[in-house]
Amino acid sequence: MIRSFLTVSTGTLASRLLGFARDAMVAALLGASPVADAFLVAFQLVNVVRRLLTEGALNNALVPAWLAVRETRGTDAAAAFAGRVLGTISAALIGVTVIAGVLMPWIIVALAPGFAGKEMLHLAVNDARLMLPYLAFAGPAAVTIALLNAQGRFALTAFAPLLFNGALIAAMIVLMLQRWDAAETALAIAATVGIAGFLQLLILIGRSRGTHFATPLRIGFDAEMRGFLVKAIPGMVAGAGPQLLIVASAIVASASPSAVSWLYFANRLIELPLGIVGVAVGAVLVPELARSVHTADSAAAARAQSRGLELAIGLALPATLGLMVLSTSIVQLLFQHGAFTAADSDGTSASLRWLALALPAQVLVKALSPAFFARGDTATPLWSTLKGLAVTIALAVVLGRLFDVRGIAAAIALGGWSSALDLARRGLATFGLAIDAVAHRRLWRIVAAALAMGGLLWLAAPPVLALSGNHAGPLHFFLVAALIVAGMTVYGLFLALFGVLRWADAIRNLRQSRA
């Protein structure tokens, strides 16, 4: 299971790093201007749908259902079921794309009320309409990814999203050589989104040919398909909780200049560890737990859940502390170029420090939700997600007025913790949410190791970074990278010191499992 996690997390890491390059180029081309705010609201709309479908959310509902059909009725029935899912979702998304294009002005006003009556509304509508073709490609891509995950083929699905960011980066390199104004540049980037989605689908279909796991292709709304959709839609909404929290905050932030851009860029830094840990743990845990539940092997389910929680907390907590301590330096290094000013760096880094507090909660949701999805329960994670959304919106209105963008970021963190705690409470009340004795012994030691690392990093960072006077210079890059590597090394040493793991044994076991 951990080898599969490493495969998915490596692909996600590569995709997120390309995403950083993409966002750094967007910041350089558009800055945090009204054009950037309009573009990012439109992009968040498409990005949420992309996350709903392609980054594990549809996987949560489809994998247990497909495995259940295969184990009870055979591979041919599973292939026919997958073909109906693929055809139905593809047709539905084409219809949604057309309807959304017509209703886009009202959709943008709902997502960003502060744009109403302003030029930003016109800009955001045009950008969003150019991005919409992506939705038609995202559906079949998501079904293909989920089916490959169900069969344990994680490598292709992990690295396929690289094409999305790669295509956008290539387009922006060309745009940097042009002398277009910001609005024209934003429109060109928006038009590339659909092309990127088509390339991702093309590579997935090309590499999946000959497997016959989704044939014949049909559109159907029979009882089995209706039952699947009833479970899939709540699971998809629940799986996109972190992105929905950002969208909810943008509704409030749209009334403040540059706030949408600051929150977006800060959230991009949160999504690196969230993607590596949360998406990977969720993608691997769902099929693992589904098999254990179907075979009534409670011990195997407890082991899988325990290892998932250890990985989630063990990777998310040190990332949270590192982002809080190094927030200003990381934001300056990645984004303060071109049209992105020092004031934008201050706003983004202030948002990042508060958003980082949401990271452990969001990763916990990703680690706890598979226990429900594996049992066919997608409603409980949905209600926990909706509760977190309600908390976020209510607090963002109040805290945003008191503390500007920092208050909105704090509301996102509180909303995330509301979802995580509610999900844990419901899990304990329904099926026990059992973890094994090893996890009971390791978890508090993991927390202690992370806190020790964070404390040392907080003490070391100011004098080390003071050696560099230029945030954009190579020395600053080297010092930030050195602090990150030193923090990771110290954390690894504390894990060994506290008896959480022995690195030599862990490496040897991974090599043996590969053999």
Protein backbone atom coordinates (compact mmCIF):
# COMPACT_ATOMS: atom_id res chain seq x y z
CA MET A 1 0.00 0.00 0.00
CA ILE A 2 2.83 2.40 0.83
CA ARG A 3 4.55 1.68 -2.50
CA SER A 4 1.30 2.56 -4.28
CA PHE A 5 1.09 5.72 -2.15
CA LEU A 6 4.64 6.67 -3.17
CA THR A 7 3.77 6.16 -6.85
CA VAL A 8 0.71 8.41 -6.63
CA SER A 9 2.43 11.02 -4.46
CA THR A 10 5.43 11.21 -6.82
CA GLY A 11 3.17 11.88 -9.78
CA THR A 12 1.18 14.42 -7.76
CA LEU A 13 4.40 16.12 -6.63
CA ALA A 14 5.58 16.46 -10.23
CA SER A 15 2.18 17.87 -11.24
CA ARG A 16 2.11 20.32 -8.32
CA LEU A 17 5.64 21.54 -9.09
CA LEU A 18 4.57 22.21 -12.66
CA GLY A 19 1.53 23.93 -11.16
CA PHE A 20 3.86 26.21 -9.20
CA ALA A 21 5.70 27.08 -12.39
CA ARG A 22 2.34 27.74 -14.07
CA ASP A 23 1.12 30.00 -11.25
CA ALA A 24 4.43 31.86 -11.03
CA MET A 25 4.07 32.64 -14.74
CA VAL A 26 0.43 33.72 -14.25
CA ALA A 27 1.57 36.01 -11.42
CA ALA A 28 4.34 37.47 -13.58
CA LEU A 29 1.97 38.03 -16.54
CA LEU A 30 -1.11 39.27 -14.66
CA GLY A 31 0.09 40.18 -11.15
CA ALA A 32 -2.72 40.65 -8.62
CA SER A 33 -4.63 43.09 -10.83
CA PRO A 34 -8.38 43.18 -11.56
CA VAL A 35 -7.63 41.15 -14.71
CA ALA A 36 -5.92 38.55 -12.52
CA ASP A 37 -8.85 38.47 -10.08
CA ALA A 38 -11.28 37.90 -12.97
CA PHE A 39 -9.13 35.18 -14.52
CA LEU A 40 -8.59 33.36 -11.22
CA VAL A 41 -12.30 33.32 -10.35
CA ALA A 42 -13.00 31.75 -13.75
CA PHE A 43 -10.10 29.34 -13.36
CA GLN A 44 -11.22 28.31 -9.87
CA LEU A 45 -14.63 27.38 -11.30
CA VAL A 46 -13.05 25.02 -13.83
CA ASN A 47 -10.42 23.87 -11.35
CA VAL A 48 -13.05 22.81 -8.80
CA VAL A 49 -14.79 20.71 -11.46
CA ARG A 50 -11.41 19.25 -12.41
CA ARG A 51 -10.76 18.31 -8.79
CA LEU A 52 -14.32 17.02 -8.40
CA LEU A 53 -13.73 14.61 -11.24
CA THR A 54 -10.09 13.84 -11.85
CA GLU A 55 -8.22 14.03 -8.53
CA GLY A 56 -9.80 11.21 -6.59
CA ALA A 57 -13.31 12.51 -5.95
CA LEU A 58 -15.08 10.32 -8.54
CA ASN A 59 -12.63 7.59 -7.55
CA ASN A 60 -14.26 7.53 -4.09
CA ALA A 61 -17.61 6.35 -5.47
CA LEU A 62 -16.66 4.41 -8.62
CA VAL A 63 -13.90 2.17 -7.22
CA PRO A 64 -16.02 0.42 -4.51
CA ALA A 65 -18.97 0.08 -6.92
CA TRP A 66 -16.83 -1.38 -9.73
CA LEU A 67 -15.05 -3.79 -7.37
CA ALA A 68 -18.39 -4.97 -5.95
CA VAL A 69 -19.78 -5.68 -9.46
CA ARG A 70 -16.61 -7.51 -10.52
CA GLU A 71 -16.51 -9.69 -7.41
CA THR A 72 -20.21 -10.60 -7.46
CA ARG A 73 -21.00 -10.78 -11.20
CA GLY A 74 -17.65 -11.12 -13.00
CA THR A 75 -15.37 -9.04 -15.24
CA ASP A 76 -17.79 -8.78 -18.19
CA ALA A 77 -20.50 -7.27 -15.98
CA ALA A 78 -17.94 -4.89 -14.46
CA ALA A 79 -16.84 -3.78 -17.95
CA ALA A 80 -20.47 -3.19 -19.00
CA PHE A 81 -21.11 -1.20 -15.81
CA ALA A 82 -17.99 0.91 -16.43
CA GLY A 83 -19.07 1.50 -20.05
CA ARG A 84 -22.44 2.84 -18.89
CA VAL A 85 -20.76 5.09 -16.32
CA LEU A 86 -18.32 6.42 -18.92
CA GLY A 87 -21.00 7.09 -21.51
CA THR A 88 -23.51 8.61 -19.09
CA ILE A 89 -21.06 10.96 -17.36
CA SER A 90 -19.54 12.06 -20.68
CA ALA A 91 -22.98 12.90 -22.13
CA ALA A 92 -24.07 14.66 -18.94
CA LEU A 93 -20.97 16.87 -18.86
CA ILE A 94 -21.41 17.91 -22.48
CA GLY A 95 -24.90 19.09 -21.57
CA VAL A 96 -23.62 20.85 -18.45
CA THR A 97 -20.95 22.61 -20.54
CA VAL A 98 -23.54 24.03 -22.95
CA ILE A 99 -25.90 25.15 -20.16
CA ALA A 100 -23.05 26.69 -18.13
CA GLY A 101 -21.91 28.69 -21.17
CA VAL A 102 -25.37 30.28 -21.44
CA LEU A 103 -25.70 30.94 -17.70
CA MET A 104 -22.10 32.01 -17.09
CA PRO A 105 -22.79 35.69 -16.20
CA TRP A 106 -25.12 34.60 -13.38
CA ILE A 107 -22.70 31.87 -12.28
CA ILE A 108 -19.83 34.36 -11.98
CA VAL A 109 -21.99 36.82 -10.03
CA ALA A 110 -22.91 34.00 -7.63
CA LEU A 111 -19.22 33.08 -7.17
CA ALA A 112 -17.95 36.67 -6.98
CA PRO A 113 -20.74 39.09 -5.96
CA GLY A 114 -18.18 41.89 -5.75
CA PHE A 115 -17.77 41.74 -9.56
CA ALA A 116 -21.38 42.75 -10.25
CA GLY A 117 -21.60 45.90 -12.37
CA LYS A 118 -17.81 46.02 -12.91
CA GLU A 119 -15.59 45.34 -15.89
CA MET A 120 -14.19 42.32 -14.01
CA LEU A 121 -17.52 40.54 -14.53
CA HIS A 122 -17.19 40.79 -18.31
CA LEU A 123 -13.57 39.63 -18.16
CA ALA A 124 -14.37 36.66 -15.90
CA VAL A 125 -17.32 35.54 -18.07
CA ASN A 126 -15.19 35.57 -21.23
CA ASP A 127 -12.37 33.67 -19.52
CA ALA A 128 -14.74 31.06 -18.09
CA ARG A 129 -16.50 30.43 -21.40
CA LEU A 130 -13.17 29.80 -23.10
CA MET A 131 -12.26 27.29 -20.37
CA LEU A 132 -15.58 25.39 -20.50
CA PRO A 133 -14.61 22.84 -23.21
CA TYR A 134 -12.34 21.30 -20.60
CA LEU A 135 -15.40 19.96 -18.76
CA ALA A 136 -16.37 17.76 -21.71
CA PHE A 137 -12.95 16.05 -21.55
CA ALA A 138 -12.71 15.86 -17.76
CA GLY A 139 -15.57 13.35 -17.37
CA PRO A 140 -14.18 10.45 -19.45
CA ALA A 141 -10.70 11.17 -18.10
CA ALA A 142 -11.97 10.88 -14.50
CA VAL A 143 -13.76 7.57 -15.15
CA THR A 144 -10.66 6.13 -16.81
CA ILE A 145 -8.46 7.22 -13.90
CA ALA A 146 -10.81 5.65 -11.33
CA LEU A 147 -10.96 2.35 -13.22
CA LEU A 148 -7.19 2.19 -13.50
CA ASN A 149 -6.87 2.87 -9.76
CA ALA A 150 -9.34 0.06 -9.03
CA GLN A 151 -7.01 -2.31 -10.89
CA GLY A 152 -3.96 -1.09 -9.00
CA ARG A 153 -2.52 0.76 -12.01
CA PHE A 154 -1.55 3.95 -10.20
CA ALA A 155 1.45 5.10 -12.25
CA LEU A 156 -0.45 6.22 -15.38
CA THR A 157 -3.17 8.00 -13.42
CA ALA A 158 -0.60 9.72 -11.19
CA PHE A 159 1.40 11.22 -14.05
CA ALA A 160 -1.40 11.98 -16.55
CA PRO A 161 -2.22 15.41 -14.95
CA LEU A 162 1.29 16.58 -15.90
CA LEU A 163 -0.04 17.23 -19.40
CA PHE A 164 -2.56 19.78 -18.13
CA ASN A 165 0.04 22.00 -16.49
CA GLY A 166 2.62 21.32 -19.21
CA ALA A 167 0.32 22.60 -21.95
CA LEU A 168 -0.51 25.77 -19.99
CA ILE A 169 3.16 26.45 -19.29
CA ALA A 170 4.05 26.04 -22.97
CA ALA A 171 1.32 28.52 -23.93
CA MET A 172 2.52 31.08 -21.36
CA ILE A 173 6.12 30.81 -22.54
CA VAL A 174 4.86 31.85 -25.97
CA LEU A 175 2.78 34.64 -24.44
CA MET A 176 5.79 36.04 -22.59
CA LEU A 177 7.40 36.65 -25.96
CA GLN A 178 4.36 38.64 -27.13
CA ARG A 179 3.44 42.20 -26.23
CA TRP A 180 -0.22 41.70 -25.49
CA ASP A 181 -2.07 43.51 -22.74
CA ALA A 182 -3.17 41.65 -19.61
CA ALA A 183 -6.76 41.03 -20.77
CA GLU A 184 -5.64 39.47 -24.07
CA THR A 185 -3.07 37.37 -22.25
CA ALA A 186 -5.72 36.06 -19.84
CA LEU A 187 -7.99 35.11 -22.75
CA ALA A 188 -5.18 33.20 -24.45
CA ILE A 189 -4.37 31.25 -21.27
CA ALA A 190 -8.07 30.48 -20.79
CA ALA A 191 -8.35 29.09 -24.33
CA THR A 192 -5.44 26.74 -23.62
CA VAL A 193 -7.27 25.07 -20.71
CA GLY A 194 -9.56 23.08 -23.02
CA ILE A 195 -6.62 21.99 -25.17
CA ALA A 196 -4.80 20.79 -22.05
CA GLY A 197 -7.82 18.71 -21.01
CA PHE A 198 -8.02 17.13 -24.47
CA LEU A 199 -4.33 16.14 -24.35
CA GLN A 200 -4.78 14.53 -20.91
CA LEU A 201 -7.76 12.48 -22.12
CA LEU A 202 -5.90 11.48 -25.28
CA ILE A 203 -2.96 9.99 -23.40
CA LEU A 204 -5.23 8.12 -20.98
CA ILE A 205 -7.29 6.58 -23.79
CA GLY A 206 -4.16 5.73 -25.78
CA ARG A 207 -2.50 3.92 -22.89
CA SER A 208 -5.73 2.14 -21.84
CA ARG A 209 -6.54 0.64 -25.25
CA GLY A 210 -6.83 -3.12 -25.26
CA THR A 211 -7.82 -3.41 -21.58
CA HIS A 212 -11.61 -3.59 -22.34
CA PHE A 213 -12.60 -2.46 -18.86
CA ALA A 214 -15.28 -0.01 -20.09
CA THR A 215 -17.07 -1.77 -22.95
CA PRO A 216 -19.51 -1.45 -24.51
CA LEU A 217 -19.93 2.33 -24.27
CA ARG A 218 -23.56 3.16 -23.43
CA ILE A 219 -25.72 5.98 -22.06
CA GLY A 220 -28.19 4.66 -19.54
CA PHE A 221 -30.22 5.63 -16.50
CA ASP A 222 -31.33 2.19 -15.34
CA ALA A 223 -31.78 1.36 -11.67
CA GLU A 224 -28.14 0.36 -11.21
CA MET A 225 -26.89 3.58 -12.80
CA ARG A 226 -29.30 5.73 -10.80
CA GLY A 227 -28.13 4.01 -7.61
CA PHE A 228 -24.51 4.70 -8.53
CA LEU A 229 -25.16 8.37 -9.29
CA VAL A 230 -27.05 8.82 -6.01
CA LYS A 231 -23.86 7.74 -4.22
CA ALA A 232 -21.36 9.29 -6.66
CA ILE A 233 -22.58 12.88 -6.60
CA PRO A 234 -22.35 13.27 -2.79
CA GLY A 235 -18.94 11.55 -2.87
CA MET A 236 -17.67 13.91 -5.55
CA VAL A 237 -18.80 16.98 -3.60
CA ALA A 238 -17.28 15.62 -0.39
CA GLY A 239 -13.99 14.80 -2.14
CA ALA A 240 -13.62 18.38 -3.35
CA GLY A 241 -14.07 19.91 0.11
CA PRO A 242 -10.77 21.88 0.20
CA GLN A 243 -11.46 23.47 -3.19
CA LEU A 244 -15.04 24.31 -2.21
CA LEU A 245 -13.72 26.10 0.90
CA ILE A 246 -11.57 28.32 -1.34
CA VAL A 247 -14.51 29.02 -3.65
CA ALA A 248 -16.63 29.94 -0.61
CA SER A 249 -13.94 32.33 0.59
CA ALA A 250 -13.68 33.91 -2.87
CA ILE A 251 -17.38 34.82 -2.67
CA VAL A 252 -16.56 37.01 0.33
CA ALA A 253 -13.12 38.14 -0.88
CA SER A 254 -14.39 39.36 -4.28
CA ALA A 255 -15.36 42.68 -2.69
CA SER A 256 -11.75 43.41 -1.63
CA PRO A 257 -9.12 44.43 -4.21
CA SER A 258 -6.51 41.71 -4.88
CA ALA A 259 -7.87 39.47 -2.09
CA VAL A 260 -9.00 36.75 -4.53
CA SER A 261 -5.51 36.62 -6.05
CA TRP A 262 -3.73 36.57 -2.67
CA LEU A 263 -5.90 33.70 -1.42
CA TYR A 264 -5.47 31.80 -4.68
CA PHE A 265 -1.68 31.97 -4.69
CA ALA A 266 -1.47 31.14 -0.97
CA ASN A 267 -3.76 28.17 -1.49
CA ARG A 268 -1.55 26.91 -4.30
CA LEU A 269 1.22 26.45 -1.75
CA ILE A 270 -1.15 24.53 0.53
CA GLU A 271 -2.16 22.28 -2.35
CA LEU A 272 1.37 20.91 -2.79
CA PRO A 273 1.39 18.89 0.46
CA LEU A 274 -2.38 18.41 0.28
CA GLY A 275 -2.04 16.84 -3.14
CA ILE A 276 0.97 14.72 -2.26
CA VAL A 277 -0.53 13.41 0.97
CA GLY A 278 -4.30 13.83 0.78
CA VAL A 279 -4.97 12.84 -2.81
CA ALA A 280 -2.47 9.98 -2.71
CA VAL A 281 -3.72 8.56 0.60
CA GLY A 282 -7.33 8.80 -0.58
CA ALA A 283 -6.64 7.21 -3.98
CA VAL A 284 -4.79 4.25 -2.43
CA LEU A 285 -6.93 3.77 0.69
CA VAL A 286 -10.30 3.52 -1.10
CA PRO A 287 -9.52 0.29 -3.05
CA GLU A 288 -7.55 -1.11 -0.09
CA LEU A 289 -10.38 -0.55 2.39
CA ALA A 290 -13.05 -1.61 -0.12
CA ARG A 291 -11.40 -5.02 -0.52
CA SER A 292 -11.15 -5.41 3.27
CA VAL A 293 -14.78 -4.44 3.80
CA HIS A 294 -16.04 -6.76 1.04
CA THR A 295 -14.12 -9.70 2.57
CA ALA A 296 -15.17 -8.73 6.13
CA ASP A 297 -11.50 -8.57 7.19
CA SER A 298 -11.70 -6.05 10.04
CA ALA A 299 -8.03 -6.49 10.99
CA ALA A 300 -6.89 -5.62 7.45
CA ALA A 301 -9.22 -2.61 7.41
CA ALA A 302 -7.79 -1.37 10.71
CA ARG A 303 -4.22 -1.79 9.43
CA ALA A 304 -4.96 0.12 6.22
CA GLN A 305 -6.73 2.92 8.10
CA SER A 306 -3.90 3.12 10.65
CA ARG A 307 -1.14 3.35 8.06
CA GLY A 308 -3.15 5.96 6.16
CA LEU A 309 -3.54 8.13 9.27
CA GLU A 310 0.16 7.79 10.12
CA LEU A 311 1.16 8.87 6.61
CA ALA A 312 -1.36 11.73 6.57
CA ILE A 313 -0.39 13.22 9.93
CA GLY A 314 3.30 12.38 9.56
CA LEU A 315 3.59 14.34 6.31
CA ALA A 316 0.98 17.09 6.75
CA LEU A 317 1.99 18.37 10.19
CA PRO A 318 5.66 19.18 9.40
CA ALA A 319 4.55 20.73 6.09
CA THR A 320 2.14 22.97 8.00
CA LEU A 321 4.83 24.20 10.39
CA GLY A 322 7.34 24.71 7.59
CA LEU A 323 4.91 26.78 5.52
CA MET A 324 4.04 28.96 8.52
CA VAL A 325 7.68 29.64 9.45
CA LEU A 326 8.93 30.23 5.87
CA SER A 327 5.77 31.78 4.39
CA THR A 328 7.20 35.18 3.45
CA SER A 329 10.43 33.81 1.97
CA ILE A 330 8.65 31.14 -0.08
CA VAL A 331 6.08 33.58 -1.49
CA GLN A 332 8.77 36.11 -2.44
CA LEU A 333 10.87 33.43 -4.05
CA LEU A 334 8.08 31.90 -6.13
CA PHE A 335 5.82 34.80 -7.04
CA GLN A 336 7.41 38.24 -6.55
CA HIS A 337 8.38 38.80 -10.17
CA GLY A 338 7.06 40.97 -12.98
CA ALA A 339 3.62 42.42 -12.14
CA PHE A 340 3.54 40.73 -8.70
CA THR A 341 4.62 43.42 -6.19
CA ALA A 342 6.03 43.40 -2.64
CA ALA A 343 2.57 44.38 -1.35
CA ASP A 344 1.14 41.32 -3.09
CA SER A 345 3.79 39.16 -1.39
CA ASP A 346 2.80 40.57 2.01
CA GLY A 347 -0.89 39.85 1.42
CA THR A 348 -0.22 36.36 0.08
CA SER A 349 2.18 35.36 2.87
CA ALA A 350 -0.24 36.63 5.55
CA SER A 351 -2.97 34.50 3.96
CA LEU A 352 -0.61 31.51 3.77
CA ARG A 353 0.19 31.54 7.50
CA TRP A 354 -3.51 31.17 8.35
CA LEU A 355 -4.35 28.79 5.51
CA ALA A 356 -1.55 26.46 6.64
CA LEU A 357 -3.54 25.78 9.81
CA ALA A 358 -6.20 24.16 7.62
CA LEU A 359 -3.77 21.69 6.03
CA PRO A 360 -3.79 19.00 8.78
CA ALA A 361 -7.59 19.14 8.90
CA GLN A 362 -7.97 18.81 5.14
CA VAL A 363 -5.54 15.89 5.03
CA LEU A 364 -7.41 14.22 7.91
CA VAL A 365 -10.63 14.50 5.90
CA LYS A 366 -8.87 12.82 2.95
CA ALA A 367 -7.62 10.04 5.24
CA LEU A 368 -10.90 9.49 7.12
CA SER A 369 -13.33 9.67 4.18
CA PRO A 370 -12.20 6.40 2.50
CA ALA A 371 -13.52 4.46 5.51
CA PHE A 372 -17.00 5.74 4.64
CA PHE A 373 -16.60 5.46 0.85
CA ALA A 374 -15.43 1.83 1.13
CA ARG A 375 -18.70 1.03 2.94
CA GLY A 376 -20.78 2.72 0.25
CA ASP A 377 -21.53 5.71 2.49
CA THR A 378 -20.99 8.94 0.57
CA ALA A 379 -23.66 10.93 2.42
CA THR A 380 -21.77 11.28 5.72
CA PRO A 381 -18.63 12.89 4.20
CA LEU A 382 -20.97 15.14 2.19
CA TRP A 383 -22.71 16.46 5.31
CA SER A 384 -19.37 17.04 7.03
CA THR A 385 -18.16 18.98 3.98
CA LEU A 386 -21.33 21.09 3.87
CA LYS A 387 -20.98 21.84 7.58
CA GLY A 388 -17.43 23.05 6.98
CA LEU A 389 -18.63 25.23 4.09
CA ALA A 390 -21.31 26.83 6.23
CA VAL A 391 -18.81 27.55 9.01
CA THR A 392 -16.34 29.03 6.50
CA ILE A 393 -18.85 31.38 4.87
CA ALA A 394 -20.32 32.56 8.17
CA LEU A 395 -16.93 33.23 9.76
CA ALA A 396 -15.45 34.74 6.57
CA VAL A 397 -18.15 37.42 6.55
CA VAL A 398 -17.39 38.36 10.16
CA LEU A 399 -13.61 37.86 10.28
CA GLY A 400 -13.12 39.34 6.81
CA ARG A 401 -14.59 42.64 7.98
CA LEU A 402 -12.41 42.63 11.09
CA PHE A 403 -9.08 41.36 9.70
CA ASP A 404 -9.39 41.60 5.89
CA VAL A 405 -7.84 38.72 3.94
CA ARG A 406 -6.24 37.22 7.06
CA GLY A 407 -9.67 36.81 8.62
CA ILE A 408 -10.99 35.06 5.50
CA ALA A 409 -8.00 32.69 5.53
CA ALA A 410 -8.60 31.96 9.22
CA ALA A 411 -12.24 31.19 8.42
CA ILE A 412 -11.10 28.59 5.87
CA ALA A 413 -8.92 26.94 8.51
CA LEU A 414 -11.77 26.84 11.04
CA GLY A 415 -14.15 25.45 8.42
CA GLY A 416 -11.66 22.71 7.56
CA TRP A 417 -11.29 21.68 11.20
CA SER A 418 -15.07 21.69 11.58
CA SER A 419 -15.34 19.14 8.74
CA ALA A 420 -12.50 16.96 10.08
CA LEU A 421 -13.79 16.80 13.64
CA ASP A 422 -17.35 16.14 12.52
CA LEU A 423 -16.19 13.30 10.23
CA ALA A 424 -14.12 11.72 13.02
CA ARG A 425 -17.07 11.94 15.43
CA ARG A 426 -19.42 10.31 12.93
CA GLY A 427 -16.90 7.56 12.16
CA LEU A 428 -16.49 6.70 15.83
CA ALA A 429 -20.26 6.64 16.29
CA THR A 430 -21.08 4.44 13.28
CA PHE A 431 -18.37 1.81 12.75
CA GLY A 432 -15.75 2.56 15.37
CA LEU A 433 -13.04 3.98 13.08
CA ALA A 434 -10.60 1.45 14.52
CA ILE A 435 -6.84 1.94 14.45
CA ASP A 436 -4.34 -0.65 15.58
CA ALA A 437 -1.98 -0.64 18.56
CA VAL A 438 0.99 0.40 16.42
CA ALA A 439 -0.80 3.59 15.36
CA HIS A 440 -1.75 4.38 18.96
CA ARG A 441 1.94 4.22 19.86
CA ARG A 442 3.25 6.10 16.82
CA LEU A 443 0.82 9.00 16.35
CA TRP A 444 1.72 11.04 19.44
CA ARG A 445 5.42 10.52 18.70
CA ILE A 446 4.91 11.78 15.14
CA VAL A 447 3.29 14.94 16.54
CA ALA A 448 6.18 15.42 18.99
CA ALA A 449 8.78 15.00 16.21
CA ALA A 450 6.99 17.55 14.01
CA LEU A 451 6.72 20.11 16.83
CA ALA A 452 10.42 19.70 17.66
CA MET A 453 11.34 20.25 14.01
CA GLY A 454 9.06 23.29 13.75
CA GLY A 455 10.55 24.87 16.87
CA LEU A 456 14.12 24.46 15.62
CA LEU A 457 13.18 25.83 12.18
CA TRP A 458 11.51 28.87 13.80
CA LEU A 459 14.70 29.61 15.73
CA ALA A 460 17.06 29.04 12.80
CA ALA A 461 15.19 30.79 9.96
CA PRO A 462 15.62 34.51 10.89
CA PRO A 463 19.42 34.53 11.28
CA VAL A 464 19.93 32.28 8.25
CA LEU A 465 17.66 34.31 5.93
CA ALA A 466 19.25 37.57 7.15
CA LEU A 467 22.37 36.52 5.25
CA SER A 468 20.55 37.26 1.98
CA GLY A 469 19.55 40.81 1.16
CA ASN A 470 17.88 40.06 -2.18
CA HIS A 471 14.78 37.86 -2.15
CA ALA A 472 15.18 37.09 -5.86
CA GLY A 473 18.88 36.28 -5.78
CA PRO A 474 20.48 32.84 -5.98
CA LEU A 475 21.71 33.10 -2.37
CA HIS A 476 18.15 33.53 -1.10
CA PHE A 477 17.03 30.50 -3.12
CA PHE A 478 19.91 28.45 -1.72
CA LEU A 479 19.19 29.50 1.89
CA VAL A 480 15.45 28.72 1.65
CA ALA A 481 16.20 25.36 0.04
CA ALA A 482 18.81 24.62 2.71
CA LEU A 483 16.33 25.38 5.51
CA ILE A 484 13.72 23.08 3.92
CA VAL A 485 16.22 20.24 3.50
CA ALA A 486 17.53 20.78 7.04
CA GLY A 487 13.98 20.71 8.42
CA MET A 488 13.22 17.45 6.60
CA THR A 489 16.47 15.92 7.83
CA VAL A 490 15.89 16.96 11.45
CA TYR A 491 12.32 15.63 11.28
CA GLY A 492 13.57 12.29 9.97
CA LEU A 493 16.12 12.11 12.79
CA PHE A 494 13.45 12.85 15.39
CA LEU A 495 11.22 10.13 13.93
CA ALA A 496 14.05 7.65 14.35
CA LEU A 497 14.96 8.99 17.81
CA PHE A 498 11.37 8.66 19.05
CA GLY A 499 11.11 5.12 17.71
CA VAL A 500 8.50 5.84 15.03
CA LEU A 501 10.48 3.99 12.39
CA ARG A 502 13.89 2.70 11.45
CA TRP A 503 14.90 4.08 8.08
CA ALA A 504 17.06 1.12 7.11
CA ASP A 505 14.22 -1.31 7.84
CA ALA A 506 11.70 0.82 5.96
CA ILE A 507 13.89 1.01 2.84
CA ARG A 508 14.62 -2.73 2.96
CA ASN A 509 10.91 -3.59 3.31
CA LEU A 510 10.00 -1.41 0.34
CA ARG A 511 12.64 -3.12 -1.79
CA GLN A 512 11.43 -6.56 -0.71
CA SER A 513 7.79 -5.70 -1.52
CA ARG A 514 8.84 -4.50 -4.98
CA ALA A 515 10.64 -7.78 -5.59
